[in-house]
C-alpha cells in the first residue's frame, strides 16, 4: 500500500477515480470526481492536494484537500 500526493489531475487519474466511485457502496454526489471538478470551477479553486492511496496498483482512496481562501 502506498500514499501518493498530487497537486494536479489528468484524465487517467480521473478515470480511476470514477471507477472507484462507481464501484463504491459509499458513493454519493459529494465524493464524486464531478463534484470536485465543479467545486473547483465554481469557487475558482486552483490550489489543492490529492492524497491518494493505492494498493497493488489499484486506487483505494482519494482525499481531496483544499487550501483555505
N, C-alpha and C. Protein backbone atom coordinates (compact mmCIF):
# COMPACT_ATOMS: atom_id res chain seq x y z
N UNK A 1 0.85 -1.16 0.00
CA UNK A 1 0.00 0.00 0.00
C UNK A 1 0.90 1.23 0.00
N UNK A 2 0.52 2.25 -0.79
CA UNK A 2 1.32 3.46 -0.78
C UNK A 2 0.44 4.70 -0.86
N UNK A 3 0.99 5.78 -0.31
CA UNK A 3 0.33 7.07 -0.32
C UNK A 3 1.01 7.94 -1.36
N UNK A 4 0.20 8.55 -2.23
CA UNK A 4 0.70 9.42 -3.28
C UNK A 4 0.06 10.79 -3.08
N UNK A 5 0.85 11.83 -3.20
CA UNK A 5 0.34 13.20 -3.10
C UNK A 5 0.46 13.84 -4.47
N UNK A 6 -0.66 14.39 -4.95
CA UNK A 6 -0.69 15.07 -6.25
C UNK A 6 -1.23 16.47 -6.07
N UNK A 7 -0.86 17.34 -6.99
CA UNK A 7 -1.43 18.69 -6.99
C UNK A 7 -2.01 19.05 -8.35
N UNK A 8 -2.27 18.02 -9.14
CA UNK A 8 -2.92 18.23 -10.44
C UNK A 8 -3.68 16.96 -10.81
N UNK A 9 -4.59 17.12 -11.75
CA UNK A 9 -5.41 15.99 -12.20
C UNK A 9 -5.16 15.76 -13.68
N UNK A 10 -5.22 14.51 -14.09
CA UNK A 10 -5.16 14.18 -15.51
C UNK A 10 -6.28 13.19 -15.82
N UNK A 11 -6.52 12.97 -17.07
CA UNK A 11 -7.63 12.11 -17.47
C UNK A 11 -7.48 10.67 -16.95
N UNK A 12 -6.27 10.16 -16.94
CA UNK A 12 -6.05 8.79 -16.44
C UNK A 12 -6.47 8.66 -14.98
N UNK A 13 -6.04 9.64 -14.15
CA UNK A 13 -6.42 9.60 -12.74
C UNK A 13 -7.93 9.78 -12.58
N UNK A 14 -8.53 10.70 -13.33
CA UNK A 14 -9.98 10.91 -13.23
C UNK A 14 -10.76 9.65 -13.59
N UNK A 15 -10.28 8.90 -14.56
CA UNK A 15 -10.94 7.63 -14.93
C UNK A 15 -10.85 6.62 -13.78
N UNK A 16 -9.68 6.55 -13.13
CA UNK A 16 -9.52 5.64 -11.99
C UNK A 16 -10.42 6.05 -10.83
N UNK A 17 -10.49 7.36 -10.58
CA UNK A 17 -11.34 7.86 -9.50
C UNK A 17 -12.80 7.57 -9.81
N UNK A 18 -13.21 7.77 -11.05
CA UNK A 18 -14.59 7.50 -11.44
C UNK A 18 -14.92 6.01 -11.26
N UNK A 19 -14.00 5.14 -11.64
CA UNK A 19 -14.21 3.69 -11.48
C UNK A 19 -14.35 3.34 -10.00
N UNK A 20 -13.45 3.89 -9.17
CA UNK A 20 -13.54 3.66 -7.72
C UNK A 20 -14.90 4.13 -7.20
N UNK A 21 -15.33 5.31 -7.61
CA UNK A 21 -16.60 5.88 -7.17
C UNK A 21 -17.78 5.01 -7.64
N UNK A 22 -17.74 4.58 -8.91
CA UNK A 22 -18.81 3.73 -9.46
C UNK A 22 -18.97 2.43 -8.69
N UNK A 23 -17.87 1.89 -8.20
CA UNK A 23 -17.89 0.59 -7.52
C UNK A 23 -18.07 0.69 -6.00
N UNK A 24 -18.08 1.90 -5.48
CA UNK A 24 -18.14 2.09 -4.03
C UNK A 24 -19.57 2.00 -3.50
N UNK A 25 -19.71 1.35 -2.35
CA UNK A 25 -21.01 1.33 -1.68
C UNK A 25 -21.24 2.63 -0.91
N UNK A 26 -20.21 3.44 -0.77
CA UNK A 26 -20.30 4.72 -0.06
C UNK A 26 -20.38 5.91 -1.02
N UNK A 27 -20.57 5.65 -2.31
CA UNK A 27 -20.60 6.73 -3.29
C UNK A 27 -21.80 7.64 -3.07
N UNK A 28 -21.54 8.93 -3.12
CA UNK A 28 -22.61 9.93 -3.13
C UNK A 28 -22.10 11.11 -3.94
N UNK A 29 -23.00 12.01 -4.26
CA UNK A 29 -22.64 13.11 -5.15
C UNK A 29 -21.45 13.90 -4.64
N UNK A 30 -21.37 14.11 -3.33
CA UNK A 30 -20.33 14.96 -2.77
C UNK A 30 -18.93 14.34 -2.76
N UNK A 31 -18.81 13.06 -3.00
CA UNK A 31 -17.47 12.47 -3.08
C UNK A 31 -17.14 11.99 -4.49
N UNK A 32 -17.86 12.50 -5.46
CA UNK A 32 -17.61 12.13 -6.85
C UNK A 32 -16.55 13.03 -7.48
N UNK A 33 -15.85 12.54 -8.49
CA UNK A 33 -14.90 13.39 -9.19
C UNK A 33 -15.59 14.59 -9.84
N UNK A 34 -16.81 14.41 -10.33
CA UNK A 34 -17.54 15.52 -10.97
C UNK A 34 -17.81 16.64 -9.97
N UNK A 35 -18.14 16.28 -8.73
CA UNK A 35 -18.40 17.29 -7.71
C UNK A 35 -17.12 18.07 -7.43
N UNK A 36 -16.02 17.39 -7.29
CA UNK A 36 -14.75 18.07 -7.03
C UNK A 36 -14.41 19.04 -8.16
N UNK A 37 -14.54 18.58 -9.40
CA UNK A 37 -14.24 19.44 -10.55
C UNK A 37 -15.19 20.64 -10.60
N UNK A 38 -16.46 20.41 -10.35
CA UNK A 38 -17.44 21.50 -10.36
C UNK A 38 -17.16 22.51 -9.24
N UNK A 39 -16.80 22.01 -8.07
CA UNK A 39 -16.49 22.90 -6.95
C UNK A 39 -15.25 23.73 -7.26
N UNK A 40 -14.24 23.12 -7.84
CA UNK A 40 -13.03 23.86 -8.21
C UNK A 40 -13.35 24.96 -9.21
N UNK A 41 -14.18 24.63 -10.18
CA UNK A 41 -14.55 25.64 -11.18
C UNK A 41 -15.44 26.72 -10.57
N UNK A 42 -16.46 26.31 -9.85
CA UNK A 42 -17.42 27.25 -9.29
C UNK A 42 -16.85 28.19 -8.24
N UNK A 43 -15.89 27.71 -7.46
CA UNK A 43 -15.28 28.52 -6.41
C UNK A 43 -13.88 29.00 -6.77
N UNK A 44 -13.51 28.82 -8.03
CA UNK A 44 -12.21 29.27 -8.54
C UNK A 44 -11.06 28.71 -7.69
N UNK A 45 -11.12 27.42 -7.41
CA UNK A 45 -10.09 26.74 -6.61
C UNK A 45 -9.00 26.22 -7.54
N UNK A 46 -7.81 26.70 -7.33
CA UNK A 46 -6.68 26.27 -8.16
C UNK A 46 -5.61 25.55 -7.35
N UNK A 47 -5.60 25.78 -6.04
CA UNK A 47 -4.59 25.16 -5.18
C UNK A 47 -5.23 24.08 -4.32
N UNK A 48 -4.82 22.85 -4.58
CA UNK A 48 -5.33 21.71 -3.82
C UNK A 48 -4.28 20.60 -3.84
N UNK A 49 -4.44 19.68 -2.95
CA UNK A 49 -3.63 18.46 -2.94
C UNK A 49 -4.58 17.28 -2.95
N UNK A 50 -4.15 16.23 -3.56
CA UNK A 50 -4.91 14.98 -3.57
C UNK A 50 -4.04 13.94 -2.87
N UNK A 51 -4.51 13.44 -1.74
CA UNK A 51 -3.85 12.32 -1.07
C UNK A 51 -4.52 11.06 -1.61
N UNK A 52 -3.74 10.20 -2.23
CA UNK A 52 -4.28 9.03 -2.92
C UNK A 52 -3.65 7.78 -2.33
N UNK A 53 -4.47 6.80 -2.04
CA UNK A 53 -3.98 5.53 -1.53
C UNK A 53 -4.14 4.48 -2.63
N UNK A 54 -3.03 3.82 -2.96
CA UNK A 54 -3.05 2.72 -3.93
C UNK A 54 -2.57 1.45 -3.25
N UNK A 55 -3.15 0.34 -3.67
CA UNK A 55 -2.76 -0.97 -3.17
C UNK A 55 -2.58 -1.89 -4.37
N UNK A 56 -1.36 -2.36 -4.58
CA UNK A 56 -1.04 -3.21 -5.73
C UNK A 56 -1.48 -2.56 -7.04
N UNK A 57 -1.27 -1.24 -7.17
CA UNK A 57 -1.61 -0.54 -8.40
C UNK A 57 -3.07 -0.15 -8.55
N UNK A 58 -3.90 -0.55 -7.58
CA UNK A 58 -5.32 -0.23 -7.63
C UNK A 58 -5.62 0.97 -6.73
N UNK A 59 -6.40 1.90 -7.25
CA UNK A 59 -6.81 3.04 -6.46
C UNK A 59 -7.75 2.58 -5.35
N UNK A 60 -7.43 2.94 -4.11
CA UNK A 60 -8.23 2.51 -2.96
C UNK A 60 -8.97 3.68 -2.31
N UNK A 61 -8.36 4.88 -2.32
CA UNK A 61 -8.98 6.02 -1.65
C UNK A 61 -8.44 7.32 -2.24
N UNK A 62 -9.31 8.34 -2.20
CA UNK A 62 -8.95 9.67 -2.67
C UNK A 62 -9.37 10.67 -1.60
N UNK A 63 -8.44 11.52 -1.21
CA UNK A 63 -8.70 12.54 -0.20
C UNK A 63 -8.34 13.91 -0.78
N UNK A 64 -9.31 14.63 -1.34
CA UNK A 64 -9.01 15.97 -1.85
C UNK A 64 -8.86 16.95 -0.67
N UNK A 65 -7.80 17.71 -0.70
CA UNK A 65 -7.52 18.68 0.35
C UNK A 65 -7.38 20.06 -0.29
N UNK A 66 -8.13 21.02 0.21
CA UNK A 66 -8.13 22.35 -0.37
C UNK A 66 -7.43 23.34 0.53
N UNK A 67 -6.74 24.30 -0.07
CA UNK A 67 -6.17 25.40 0.69
C UNK A 67 -7.28 26.37 1.01
N UNK A 68 -7.26 26.93 2.18
CA UNK A 68 -8.26 27.91 2.56
C UNK A 68 -8.04 29.18 1.76
N UNK A 69 -9.15 29.78 1.31
CA UNK A 69 -9.06 31.03 0.54
C UNK A 69 -8.91 32.19 1.46
